[in-house]
Amino acid sequence: MNRILSLSLLLTPVLLATACARASEETTSSPATASTVAVAAGPTVDPELPLAIVHKTASCGCCGVWADHLKAAGFPVEIRDTDDMHPVKQRLGVPAGKASCHTAEIGGYVVEGHIPASDIKRLLKERPMARGLVLPGMPAGSPGMEMPDGYVQPYTVELVLADGSTQPFAQHGQGG
């Protein structure tokens, strides 16, 4: 069992990087510039949901897949491609060690990483005194990181409190 776990821990970053690269090839993107803005909204937009401003690098396809997940859930989405995500994460108060590949601003909250739209809707409904939600890394099976076999790695979405500390907000995946 330990060999399987060790192999899984070794292969997960490779598989995730491949998934992100593959998604990037499958999506059309413009050249990476800080000023690239694409607004996407369709007939399924829920007028009760706030605009999701998604900051990402132009070359990251999994970020675009996550944005599509938000659109499918009714969010209007504006994508802002940038070459340097660090200033965005710093400005929005993403805690050290809690980063992912994209950062969104939704309804006055920061939303970091491949967080399910259902968790974002819950956050917006409950309106806690907090900075927002984070999901560090790129867990297999999270929105935008779907696996062909349907596997969902257990992961915890965390609520970022006003002081920058975090606490569990939602559990997902096997056993979650």
C-alpha atoms as a PDB file:
ATOM      1  CA  MET A   1       0.000   0.000   0.000  1.00  0.00           C
ATOM      2  CA  ASN A   2       2.841   2.416   0.804  1.00  0.00           C
ATOM      3  CA  ARG A   3       4.313   1.805  -2.663  1.00  0.00           C
ATOM      4  CA  ILE A   4       1.010   2.715  -4.291  1.00  0.00           C
ATOM      5  CA  LEU A   5       0.728   5.872  -2.213  1.00  0.00           C
ATOM      6  CA  SER A   6       4.348   6.828  -2.943  1.00  0.00           C
ATOM      7  CA  LEU A   7       3.873   6.220  -6.659  1.00  0.00           C
ATOM      8  CA  SER A   8       0.660   8.239  -6.583  1.00  0.00           C
ATOM      9  CA  LEU A   9       2.407  11.150  -4.858  1.00  0.00           C
ATOM     10  CA  LEU A  10       5.216  11.048  -7.413  1.00  0.00           C
ATOM     11  CA  LEU A  11       2.983  10.817 -10.475  1.00  0.00           C
ATOM     12  CA  THR A  12       0.281  13.298  -9.478  1.00  0.00           C
ATOM     13  CA  PRO A  13       2.316  16.449 -10.317  1.00  0.00           C
ATOM     14  CA  VAL A  14       3.273  14.959 -13.692  1.00  0.00           C
ATOM     15  CA  LEU A  15      -0.318  14.039 -14.507  1.00  0.00           C
ATOM     16  CA  LEU A  16      -1.592  17.441 -13.417  1.00  0.00           C
ATOM     17  CA  ALA A  17       1.002  19.291 -15.473  1.00  0.00           C
ATOM     18  CA  THR A  18       0.090  17.142 -18.465  1.00  0.00           C
ATOM     19  CA  ALA A  19      -3.623  17.814 -17.938  1.00  0.00           C
ATOM     20  CA  CYS A  20      -3.004  21.548 -17.715  1.00  0.00           C
ATOM     21  CA  ALA A  21      -0.852  21.511 -20.854  1.00  0.00           C
ATOM     22  CA  ARG A  22      -3.394  19.359 -22.711  1.00  0.00           C
ATOM     23  CA  ALA A  23      -6.216  21.704 -21.725  1.00  0.00           C
ATOM     24  CA  SER A  24      -4.088  24.615 -22.909  1.00  0.00           C
ATOM     25  CA  GLU A  25      -3.705  23.012 -26.328  1.00  0.00           C
ATOM     26  CA  GLU A  26      -7.451  22.436 -26.535  1.00  0.00           C
ATOM     27  CA  THR A  27      -8.413  26.017 -25.755  1.00  0.00           C
ATOM     28  CA  THR A  28      -7.719  28.987 -27.907  1.00  0.00           C
ATOM     29  CA  SER A  29      -5.875  31.743 -26.156  1.00  0.00           C
ATOM     30  CA  SER A  30      -4.404  35.049 -27.122  1.00  0.00           C
ATOM     31  CA  PRO A  31      -0.771  36.040 -26.625  1.00  0.00           C
ATOM     32  CA  ALA A  32       0.204  36.541 -22.993  1.00  0.00           C
ATOM     33  CA  THR A  33      -0.157  40.176 -22.122  1.00  0.00           C
ATOM     34  CA  ALA A  34      -1.252  41.927 -18.985  1.00  0.00           C
ATOM     35  CA  SER A  35      -3.951  43.753 -20.898  1.00  0.00           C
ATOM     36  CA  THR A  36      -5.700  40.795 -22.515  1.00  0.00           C
ATOM     37  CA  VAL A  37      -9.317  40.769 -21.392  1.00  0.00           C
ATOM     38  CA  ALA A  38     -12.045  38.462 -22.643  1.00  0.00           C
ATOM     39  CA  VAL A  39     -15.588  38.724 -21.357  1.00  0.00           C
ATOM     40  CA  ALA A  40     -17.686  35.624 -21.656  1.00  0.00           C
ATOM     41  CA  ALA A  41     -21.324  35.443 -20.842  1.00  0.00           C
ATOM     42  CA  GLY A  42     -24.042  33.397 -22.395  1.00  0.00           C
ATOM     43  CA  PRO A  43     -27.731  32.716 -22.131  1.00  0.00           C
ATOM     44  CA  THR A  44     -27.199  30.636 -18.968  1.00  0.00           C
ATOM     45  CA  VAL A  45     -25.889  33.555 -16.897  1.00  0.00           C
ATOM     46  CA  ASP A  46     -27.693  33.880 -13.568  1.00  0.00           C
ATOM     47  CA  PRO A  47     -28.390  37.600 -13.036  1.00  0.00           C
ATOM     48  CA  GLU A  48     -28.221  37.026  -9.256  1.00  0.00           C
ATOM     49  CA  LEU A  49     -24.556  35.970  -9.440  1.00  0.00           C
ATOM     50  CA  PRO A  50     -21.730  38.520  -9.414  1.00  0.00           C
ATOM     51  CA  LEU A  51     -19.098  38.823 -12.118  1.00  0.00           C
ATOM     52  CA  ALA A  52     -16.161  36.457 -11.710  1.00  0.00           C
ATOM     53  CA  ILE A  53     -12.916  38.180 -12.723  1.00  0.00           C
ATOM     54  CA  VAL A  54     -10.434  35.374 -13.378  1.00  0.00           C
ATOM     55  CA  HIS A  55      -6.724  36.259 -13.400  1.00  0.00           C
ATOM     56  CA  LYS A  56      -4.551  33.657 -15.143  1.00  0.00           C
ATOM     57  CA  THR A  57      -1.630  33.216 -17.492  1.00  0.00           C
ATOM     58  CA  ALA A  58      -2.596  32.915 -21.145  1.00  0.00           C
ATOM     59  CA  SER A  59      -0.847  29.570 -21.536  1.00  0.00           C
ATOM     60  CA  CYS A  60      -2.697  27.754 -18.735  1.00  0.00           C
ATOM     61  CA  GLY A  61      -5.547  25.751 -20.202  1.00  0.00           C
ATOM     62  CA  CYS A  62      -6.855  24.270 -16.956  1.00  0.00           C
ATOM     63  CA  CYS A  63      -7.655  27.802 -15.788  1.00  0.00           C
ATOM     64  CA  GLY A  64      -9.847  28.269 -18.856  1.00  0.00           C
ATOM     65  CA  VAL A  65     -11.567  24.960 -18.145  1.00  0.00           C
ATOM     66  CA  TRP A  66     -12.262  26.153 -14.575  1.00  0.00           C
ATOM     67  CA  ALA A  67     -13.687  29.418 -15.976  1.00  0.00           C
ATOM     68  CA  ASP A  68     -15.968  27.308 -18.197  1.00  0.00           C
ATOM     69  CA  HIS A  69     -17.087  25.461 -15.034  1.00  0.00           C
ATOM     70  CA  LEU A  70     -18.099  28.819 -13.544  1.00  0.00           C
ATOM     71  CA  LYS A  71     -19.958  29.800 -16.726  1.00  0.00           C
ATOM     72  CA  ALA A  72     -21.833  26.482 -16.688  1.00  0.00           C
ATOM     73  CA  ALA A  73     -22.862  27.273 -13.086  1.00  0.00           C
ATOM     74  CA  GLY A  74     -24.331  30.611 -14.197  1.00  0.00           C
ATOM     75  CA  PHE A  75     -21.516  33.026 -13.362  1.00  0.00           C
ATOM     76  CA  PRO A  76     -20.672  35.815 -15.797  1.00  0.00           C
ATOM     77  CA  VAL A  77     -16.910  35.520 -16.320  1.00  0.00           C
ATOM     78  CA  GLU A  78     -14.246  38.020 -17.338  1.00  0.00           C
ATOM     79  CA  ILE A  79     -10.800  36.572 -18.018  1.00  0.00           C
ATOM     80  CA  ARG A  80      -7.712  38.700 -17.501  1.00  0.00           C
ATOM     81  CA  ASP A  81      -4.526  37.148 -18.824  1.00  0.00           C
ATOM     82  CA  THR A  82      -1.324  38.308 -17.175  1.00  0.00           C
ATOM     83  CA  ASP A  83       2.327  37.331 -17.354  1.00  0.00           C
ATOM     84  CA  ASP A  84       2.892  37.738 -13.593  1.00  0.00           C
ATOM     85  CA  MET A  85       0.334  36.382 -11.140  1.00  0.00           C
ATOM     86  CA  HIS A  86       2.324  37.267  -8.003  1.00  0.00           C
ATOM     87  CA  PRO A  87       1.157  40.906  -7.729  1.00  0.00           C
ATOM     88  CA  VAL A  88      -2.480  39.811  -8.180  1.00  0.00           C
ATOM     89  CA  LYS A  89      -2.214  37.193  -5.427  1.00  0.00           C
ATOM     90  CA  GLN A  90      -0.419  39.668  -3.168  1.00  0.00           C
ATOM     91  CA  ARG A  91      -2.996  42.433  -3.751  1.00  0.00           C
ATOM     92  CA  LEU A  92      -5.879  40.078  -2.993  1.00  0.00           C
ATOM     93  CA  GLY A  93      -4.267  38.595   0.118  1.00  0.00           C
ATOM     94  CA  VAL A  94      -3.744  34.989  -0.918  1.00  0.00           C
ATOM     95  CA  PRO A  95      -1.912  33.476   2.077  1.00  0.00           C
ATOM     96  CA  ALA A  96       1.637  32.180   1.601  1.00  0.00           C
ATOM     97  CA  GLY A  97       1.671  28.518   0.637  1.00  0.00           C
ATOM     98  CA  LYS A  98      -1.992  28.550  -0.453  1.00  0.00           C
ATOM     99  CA  ALA A  99      -1.537  29.489  -4.120  1.00  0.00           C
ATOM    100  CA  SER A 100      -2.805  27.754  -7.218  1.00  0.00           C
ATOM    101  CA  CYS A 101      -2.566  28.575 -10.911  1.00  0.00           C
ATOM    102  CA  HIS A 102      -5.358  31.174 -11.089  1.00  0.00           C
ATOM    103  CA  THR A 103      -6.977  33.753  -8.842  1.00  0.00           C
ATOM    104  CA  ALA A 104     -10.499  35.132  -9.115  1.00  0.00           C
ATOM    105  CA  GLU A 105     -12.366  38.071  -7.632  1.00  0.00           C
ATOM    106  CA  ILE A 106     -16.015  37.222  -7.025  1.00  0.00           C
ATOM    107  CA  GLY A 107     -18.498  39.274  -5.022  1.00  0.00           C
ATOM    108  CA  GLY A 108     -15.833  40.983  -2.933  1.00  0.00           C
ATOM    109  CA  TYR A 109     -14.014  37.732  -2.159  1.00  0.00           C
ATOM    110  CA  VAL A 110     -10.793  36.191  -3.429  1.00  0.00           C
ATOM    111  CA  VAL A 111     -11.226  32.700  -4.896  1.00  0.00           C
ATOM    112  CA  GLU A 112      -7.889  30.935  -5.346  1.00  0.00           C
ATOM    113  CA  GLY A 113      -7.621  27.739  -7.351  1.00  0.00           C
ATOM    114  CA  HIS A 114      -9.895  25.024  -8.687  1.00  0.00           C
ATOM    115  CA  ILE A 115     -12.760  25.607  -6.247  1.00  0.00           C
ATOM    116  CA  PRO A 116     -16.150  24.113  -7.144  1.00  0.00           C
ATOM    117  CA  ALA A 117     -18.826  26.652  -8.097  1.00  0.00           C
ATOM    118  CA  SER A 118     -21.109  25.172  -5.430  1.00  0.00           C
ATOM    119  CA  ASP A 119     -18.621  26.238  -2.736  1.00  0.00           C
ATOM    120  CA  ILE A 120     -18.446  29.754  -4.195  1.00  0.00           C
ATOM    121  CA  LYS A 121     -22.243  29.984  -4.224  1.00  0.00           C
ATOM    122  CA  ARG A 122     -22.324  28.864  -0.596  1.00  0.00           C
ATOM    123  CA  LEU A 123     -19.729  31.529   0.293  1.00  0.00           C
ATOM    124  CA  LEU A 124     -21.813  34.200  -1.437  1.00  0.00           C
ATOM    125  CA  LYS A 125     -24.991  33.052   0.319  1.00  0.00           C
ATOM    126  CA  GLU A 126     -23.443  32.866   3.813  1.00  0.00           C
ATOM    127  CA  ARG A 127     -21.303  36.037   3.394  1.00  0.00           C
ATOM    128  CA  PRO A 128     -18.832  35.274   6.220  1.00  0.00           C
ATOM    129  CA  MET A 129     -16.434  37.960   7.418  1.00  0.00           C
ATOM    130  CA  ALA A 130     -13.514  36.550   5.463  1.00  0.00           C
ATOM    131  CA  ARG A 131     -11.146  37.241   2.579  1.00  0.00           C
ATOM    132  CA  GLY A 132     -12.412  34.300   0.540  1.00  0.00           C
ATOM    133  CA  LEU A 133     -11.632  30.709  -0.396  1.00  0.00           C
ATOM    134  CA  VAL A 134      -8.411  28.914  -1.312  1.00  0.00           C
ATOM    135  CA  LEU A 135      -7.621  25.511  -2.745  1.00  0.00           C
ATOM    136  CA  PRO A 136      -3.835  25.171  -2.879  1.00  0.00           C
ATOM    137  CA  GLY A 137      -2.292  23.284  -5.772  1.00  0.00           C
ATOM    138  CA  MET A 138      -4.225  21.519  -8.482  1.00  0.00           C
ATOM    139  CA  PRO A 139      -6.030  18.494  -6.994  1.00  0.00           C
ATOM    140  CA  ALA A 140      -6.902  15.771  -9.490  1.00  0.00           C
ATOM    141  CA  GLY A 141     -10.627  15.722 -10.187  1.00  0.00           C
ATOM    142  CA  SER A 142     -11.322  19.258  -8.993  1.00  0.00           C
ATOM    143  CA  PRO A 143     -13.120  21.536 -11.507  1.00  0.00           C
ATOM    144  CA  GLY A 144     -10.756  22.125 -14.416  1.00  0.00           C
ATOM    145  CA  MET A 145      -8.597  19.175 -13.382  1.00  0.00           C
ATOM    146  CA  GLU A 146     -11.045  16.379 -14.175  1.00  0.00           C
ATOM    147  CA  MET A 147      -9.531  12.941 -14.691  1.00  0.00           C
ATOM    148  CA  PRO A 148     -10.603  10.650 -17.569  1.00  0.00           C
ATOM    149  CA  ASP A 149     -11.563   7.880 -15.134  1.00  0.00           C
ATOM    150  CA  GLY A 150     -13.594  10.239 -12.914  1.00  0.00           C
ATOM    151  CA  TYR A 151     -11.180   9.972  -9.983  1.00  0.00           C
ATOM    152  CA  VAL A 152     -11.361  12.826  -7.467  1.00  0.00           C
ATOM    153  CA  GLN A 153      -8.401  13.185  -5.132  1.00  0.00           C
ATOM    154  CA  PRO A 154      -9.570  14.111  -1.621  1.00  0.00           C
ATOM    155  CA  TYR A 155      -9.137  17.854  -1.077  1.00  0.00           C
ATOM    156  CA  THR A 156     -10.219  20.581   1.310  1.00  0.00           C
ATOM    157  CA  VAL A 157     -11.380  24.033   0.262  1.00  0.00           C
ATOM    158  CA  GLU A 158     -10.317  26.486   2.975  1.00  0.00           C
ATOM    159  CA  LEU A 159     -11.913  29.722   4.151  1.00  0.00           C
ATOM    160  CA  VAL A 160      -9.398  32.552   4.510  1.00  0.00           C
ATOM    161  CA  LEU A 161     -10.289  34.583   7.568  1.00  0.00           C
ATOM    162  CA  ALA A 162      -9.723  38.339   7.824  1.00  0.00           C
ATOM    163  CA  ASP A 163      -6.408  37.811   9.652  1.00  0.00           C
ATOM    164  CA  GLY A 164      -5.101  35.534   6.863  1.00  0.00           C
ATOM    165  CA  SER A 165      -5.494  32.288   8.790  1.00  0.00           C
ATOM    166  CA  THR A 166      -7.509  29.478   7.239  1.00  0.00           C
ATOM    167  CA  GLN A 167     -10.037  26.904   8.332  1.00  0.00           C
ATOM    168  CA  PRO A 168     -11.761  24.066   6.463  1.00  0.00           C
ATOM    169  CA  PHE A 169     -14.798  25.159   4.440  1.00  0.00           C
ATOM    170  CA  ALA A 170     -15.664  22.102   2.317  1.00  0.00           C
ATOM    171  CA  GLN A 171     -14.374  18.568   1.733  1.00  0.00           C
ATOM    172  CA  HIS A 172     -14.414  16.875  -1.668  1.00  0.00           C
ATOM    173  CA  GLY A 173     -13.263  13.635  -3.194  1.00  0.00           C
ATOM    174  CA  GLN A 174     -13.118  10.090  -1.981  1.00  0.00           C
ATOM    175  CA  GLY A 175     -13.712  10.004   1.726  1.00  0.00           C
ATOM    176  CA  GLY A 176     -14.571  13.741   1.680  1.00  0.00           C
END
